[in-house]
Amino acid sequence: MTQQNTLDKLPEILKRNLDRNLCVCNEVPKMTVINAIAEGADTLEKVRAKTFASDGNGCCRLQIKDLLEHLT
């Protein structure tokens, strides 16, 4: 799946701030999480294993779950 096809699946609100860190604790950009999901990380645990996002205090879990809901 191309990056554009992946982004086309997202509502406009989830397309915002793609260049900013989704996971502040581990400095993981939002596009890194989106790409991990597009490459097969279809659960929060798999996203965490691939990107280290949500491995800190977990404040980004809800955002990751929203992305998973729209992309898987």
N, C-alpha and C. Protein backbone atom coordinates (compact mmCIF):
# COMPACT_ATOMS: atom_id res chain seq x y z
N MET A 1 0.84 -1.17 0.00
CA MET A 1 0.00 0.00 0.00
C MET A 1 0.90 1.24 0.00
N THR A 2 0.61 2.19 -0.87
CA THR A 2 1.41 3.40 -0.91
C THR A 2 1.05 4.32 0.24
N GLN A 3 1.96 5.23 0.52
CA GLN A 3 1.72 6.16 1.61
C GLN A 3 0.46 6.99 1.35
N GLN A 4 0.25 7.41 0.10
CA GLN A 4 -0.93 8.20 -0.22
C GLN A 4 -2.21 7.39 -0.03
N ASN A 5 -2.21 6.12 -0.43
CA ASN A 5 -3.39 5.27 -0.23
C ASN A 5 -3.69 5.12 1.26
N THR A 6 -2.64 5.01 2.05
CA THR A 6 -2.82 4.90 3.49
C THR A 6 -3.44 6.17 4.04
N LEU A 7 -2.92 7.30 3.67
CA LEU A 7 -3.44 8.58 4.15
C LEU A 7 -4.87 8.82 3.69
N ASP A 8 -5.22 8.32 2.51
CA ASP A 8 -6.58 8.49 2.00
C ASP A 8 -7.62 7.82 2.89
N LYS A 9 -7.23 6.83 3.68
CA LYS A 9 -8.15 6.12 4.56
C LYS A 9 -8.46 6.89 5.83
N LEU A 10 -7.67 7.92 6.10
CA LEU A 10 -7.83 8.65 7.36
C LEU A 10 -8.78 9.83 7.21
N PRO A 11 -9.58 10.10 8.25
CA PRO A 11 -10.37 11.33 8.23
C PRO A 11 -9.42 12.53 8.35
N GLU A 12 -9.89 13.68 7.94
CA GLU A 12 -9.05 14.87 7.91
C GLU A 12 -8.39 15.16 9.26
N ILE A 13 -9.09 14.98 10.33
CA ILE A 13 -8.53 15.30 11.65
C ILE A 13 -7.29 14.45 11.97
N LEU A 14 -7.25 13.22 11.49
CA LEU A 14 -6.10 12.35 11.75
C LEU A 14 -4.96 12.60 10.77
N LYS A 15 -5.20 13.42 9.76
CA LYS A 15 -4.14 13.76 8.80
C LYS A 15 -3.34 14.98 9.26
N ARG A 16 -3.74 15.57 10.36
CA ARG A 16 -3.05 16.76 10.87
C ARG A 16 -1.76 16.38 11.57
N ASN A 17 -0.82 17.30 11.52
CA ASN A 17 0.44 17.17 12.26
C ASN A 17 1.21 15.89 11.96
N LEU A 18 1.24 15.50 10.72
CA LEU A 18 1.93 14.26 10.34
C LEU A 18 3.42 14.31 10.62
N ASP A 19 3.98 15.49 10.63
CA ASP A 19 5.42 15.62 10.85
C ASP A 19 5.80 15.77 12.32
N ARG A 20 4.82 15.85 13.20
CA ARG A 20 5.09 16.01 14.63
C ARG A 20 5.12 14.65 15.33
N ASN A 21 5.69 14.65 16.52
CA ASN A 21 5.76 13.42 17.30
C ASN A 21 4.38 13.05 17.82
N LEU A 22 3.96 11.84 17.52
CA LEU A 22 2.73 11.30 18.10
C LEU A 22 3.04 10.83 19.52
N CYS A 23 4.17 10.18 19.66
CA CYS A 23 4.64 9.72 20.97
C CYS A 23 5.74 10.67 21.42
N VAL A 24 5.40 11.53 22.37
CA VAL A 24 6.35 12.53 22.84
C VAL A 24 7.45 11.88 23.68
N CYS A 25 7.08 10.91 24.49
CA CYS A 25 8.06 10.25 25.38
C CYS A 25 9.25 9.69 24.60
N ASN A 26 8.97 9.02 23.50
CA ASN A 26 10.02 8.36 22.72
C ASN A 26 10.30 9.05 21.40
N GLU A 27 9.73 10.24 21.21
CA GLU A 27 9.95 11.05 20.02
C GLU A 27 9.69 10.27 18.73
N VAL A 28 8.50 9.66 18.66
CA VAL A 28 8.10 8.89 17.48
C VAL A 28 7.13 9.73 16.65
N PRO A 29 7.52 10.11 15.43
CA PRO A 29 6.63 10.90 14.58
C PRO A 29 5.36 10.13 14.20
N LYS A 30 4.31 10.88 13.97
CA LYS A 30 3.02 10.29 13.60
C LYS A 30 3.15 9.44 12.34
N MET A 31 3.93 9.91 11.34
CA MET A 31 4.08 9.14 10.10
C MET A 31 4.80 7.82 10.34
N THR A 32 5.66 7.75 11.31
CA THR A 32 6.32 6.48 11.63
C THR A 32 5.30 5.46 12.11
N VAL A 33 4.36 5.91 12.93
CA VAL A 33 3.29 5.03 13.41
C VAL A 33 2.39 4.62 12.25
N ILE A 34 2.00 5.57 11.42
CA ILE A 34 1.14 5.27 10.27
C ILE A 34 1.83 4.27 9.33
N ASN A 35 3.11 4.47 9.07
CA ASN A 35 3.83 3.55 8.20
C ASN A 35 3.93 2.16 8.81
N ALA A 36 4.13 2.08 10.12
CA ALA A 36 4.19 0.77 10.78
C ALA A 36 2.86 0.03 10.64
N ILE A 37 1.77 0.75 10.79
CA ILE A 37 0.45 0.14 10.63
C ILE A 37 0.25 -0.32 9.18
N ALA A 38 0.64 0.53 8.23
CA ALA A 38 0.51 0.18 6.81
C ALA A 38 1.35 -1.04 6.45
N GLU A 39 2.45 -1.25 7.19
CA GLU A 39 3.34 -2.38 6.93
C GLU A 39 2.95 -3.63 7.72
N GLY A 40 1.79 -3.60 8.41
CA GLY A 40 1.30 -4.81 9.04
C GLY A 40 1.18 -4.81 10.54
N ALA A 41 1.61 -3.76 11.22
CA ALA A 41 1.47 -3.70 12.67
C ALA A 41 0.00 -3.39 12.97
N ASP A 42 -0.80 -4.43 13.20
CA ASP A 42 -2.25 -4.26 13.30
C ASP A 42 -2.79 -4.27 14.72
N THR A 43 -1.92 -4.19 15.70
CA THR A 43 -2.35 -4.08 17.10
C THR A 43 -1.45 -3.04 17.79
N LEU A 44 -1.90 -2.56 18.92
CA LEU A 44 -1.10 -1.61 19.69
C LEU A 44 0.24 -2.23 20.07
N GLU A 45 0.22 -3.48 20.45
CA GLU A 45 1.45 -4.17 20.85
C GLU A 45 2.45 -4.26 19.68
N LYS A 46 1.95 -4.52 18.49
CA LYS A 46 2.83 -4.61 17.32
C LYS A 46 3.38 -3.24 16.94
N VAL A 47 2.55 -2.20 17.06
CA VAL A 47 3.03 -0.84 16.80
C VAL A 47 4.11 -0.49 17.81
N ARG A 48 3.88 -0.82 19.07
CA ARG A 48 4.86 -0.54 20.11
C ARG A 48 6.17 -1.28 19.84
N ALA A 49 6.08 -2.54 19.45
CA ALA A 49 7.29 -3.33 19.19
C ALA A 49 8.08 -2.77 18.01
N LYS A 50 7.37 -2.25 17.02
CA LYS A 50 8.04 -1.77 15.81
C LYS A 50 8.56 -0.33 15.94
N THR A 51 7.87 0.50 16.74
CA THR A 51 8.20 1.92 16.77
C THR A 51 8.60 2.45 18.15
N PHE A 52 8.30 1.71 19.20
CA PHE A 52 8.47 2.14 20.59
C PHE A 52 7.45 3.19 21.01
N ALA A 53 6.50 3.53 20.16
CA ALA A 53 5.43 4.45 20.54
C ALA A 53 4.57 3.79 21.61
N SER A 54 4.14 4.56 22.57
CA SER A 54 3.31 4.15 23.71
C SER A 54 4.09 3.34 24.74
N ASP A 55 5.41 3.32 24.62
CA ASP A 55 6.24 2.56 25.55
C ASP A 55 6.65 3.40 26.76
N GLY A 56 6.28 4.69 26.75
CA GLY A 56 6.58 5.57 27.88
C GLY A 56 5.40 5.59 28.83
N ASN A 57 4.82 6.77 29.03
CA ASN A 57 3.68 6.86 29.95
C ASN A 57 2.36 6.48 29.30
N GLY A 58 2.36 6.25 27.99
CA GLY A 58 1.17 5.74 27.31
C GLY A 58 0.15 6.78 26.92
N CYS A 59 0.50 8.05 26.98
CA CYS A 59 -0.48 9.10 26.67
C CYS A 59 -0.91 9.08 25.20
N CYS A 60 -0.18 8.40 24.34
CA CYS A 60 -0.52 8.38 22.91
C CYS A 60 -1.33 7.13 22.52
N ARG A 61 -1.64 6.28 23.45
CA ARG A 61 -2.36 5.03 23.12
C ARG A 61 -3.67 5.27 22.40
N LEU A 62 -4.44 6.24 22.87
CA LEU A 62 -5.74 6.51 22.24
C LEU A 62 -5.56 6.94 20.79
N GLN A 63 -4.56 7.77 20.53
CA GLN A 63 -4.31 8.21 19.15
C GLN A 63 -3.89 7.02 18.28
N ILE A 64 -3.08 6.15 18.80
CA ILE A 64 -2.66 4.97 18.05
C ILE A 64 -3.86 4.07 17.77
N LYS A 65 -4.72 3.90 18.76
CA LYS A 65 -5.90 3.07 18.56
C LYS A 65 -6.82 3.67 17.50
N ASP A 66 -6.94 5.01 17.47
CA ASP A 66 -7.72 5.65 16.41
C ASP A 66 -7.13 5.38 15.04
N LEU A 67 -5.82 5.48 14.93
CA LEU A 67 -5.17 5.19 13.65
C LEU A 67 -5.36 3.72 13.25
N LEU A 68 -5.23 2.82 14.21
CA LEU A 68 -5.46 1.40 13.92
C LEU A 68 -6.88 1.15 13.45
N GLU A 69 -7.83 1.80 14.06
CA GLU A 69 -9.24 1.62 13.70
C GLU A 69 -9.50 2.01 12.25
N HIS A 70 -8.86 3.06 11.79
CA HIS A 70 -9.09 3.55 10.44
C HIS A 70 -8.23 2.84 9.38
N LEU A 71 -7.09 2.30 9.80
CA LEU A 71 -6.16 1.75 8.81
C LEU A 71 -6.13 0.22 8.74
N THR A 72 -6.79 -0.44 9.68
CA THR A 72 -6.79 -1.92 9.63
C THR A 72 -8.19 -2.44 9.43
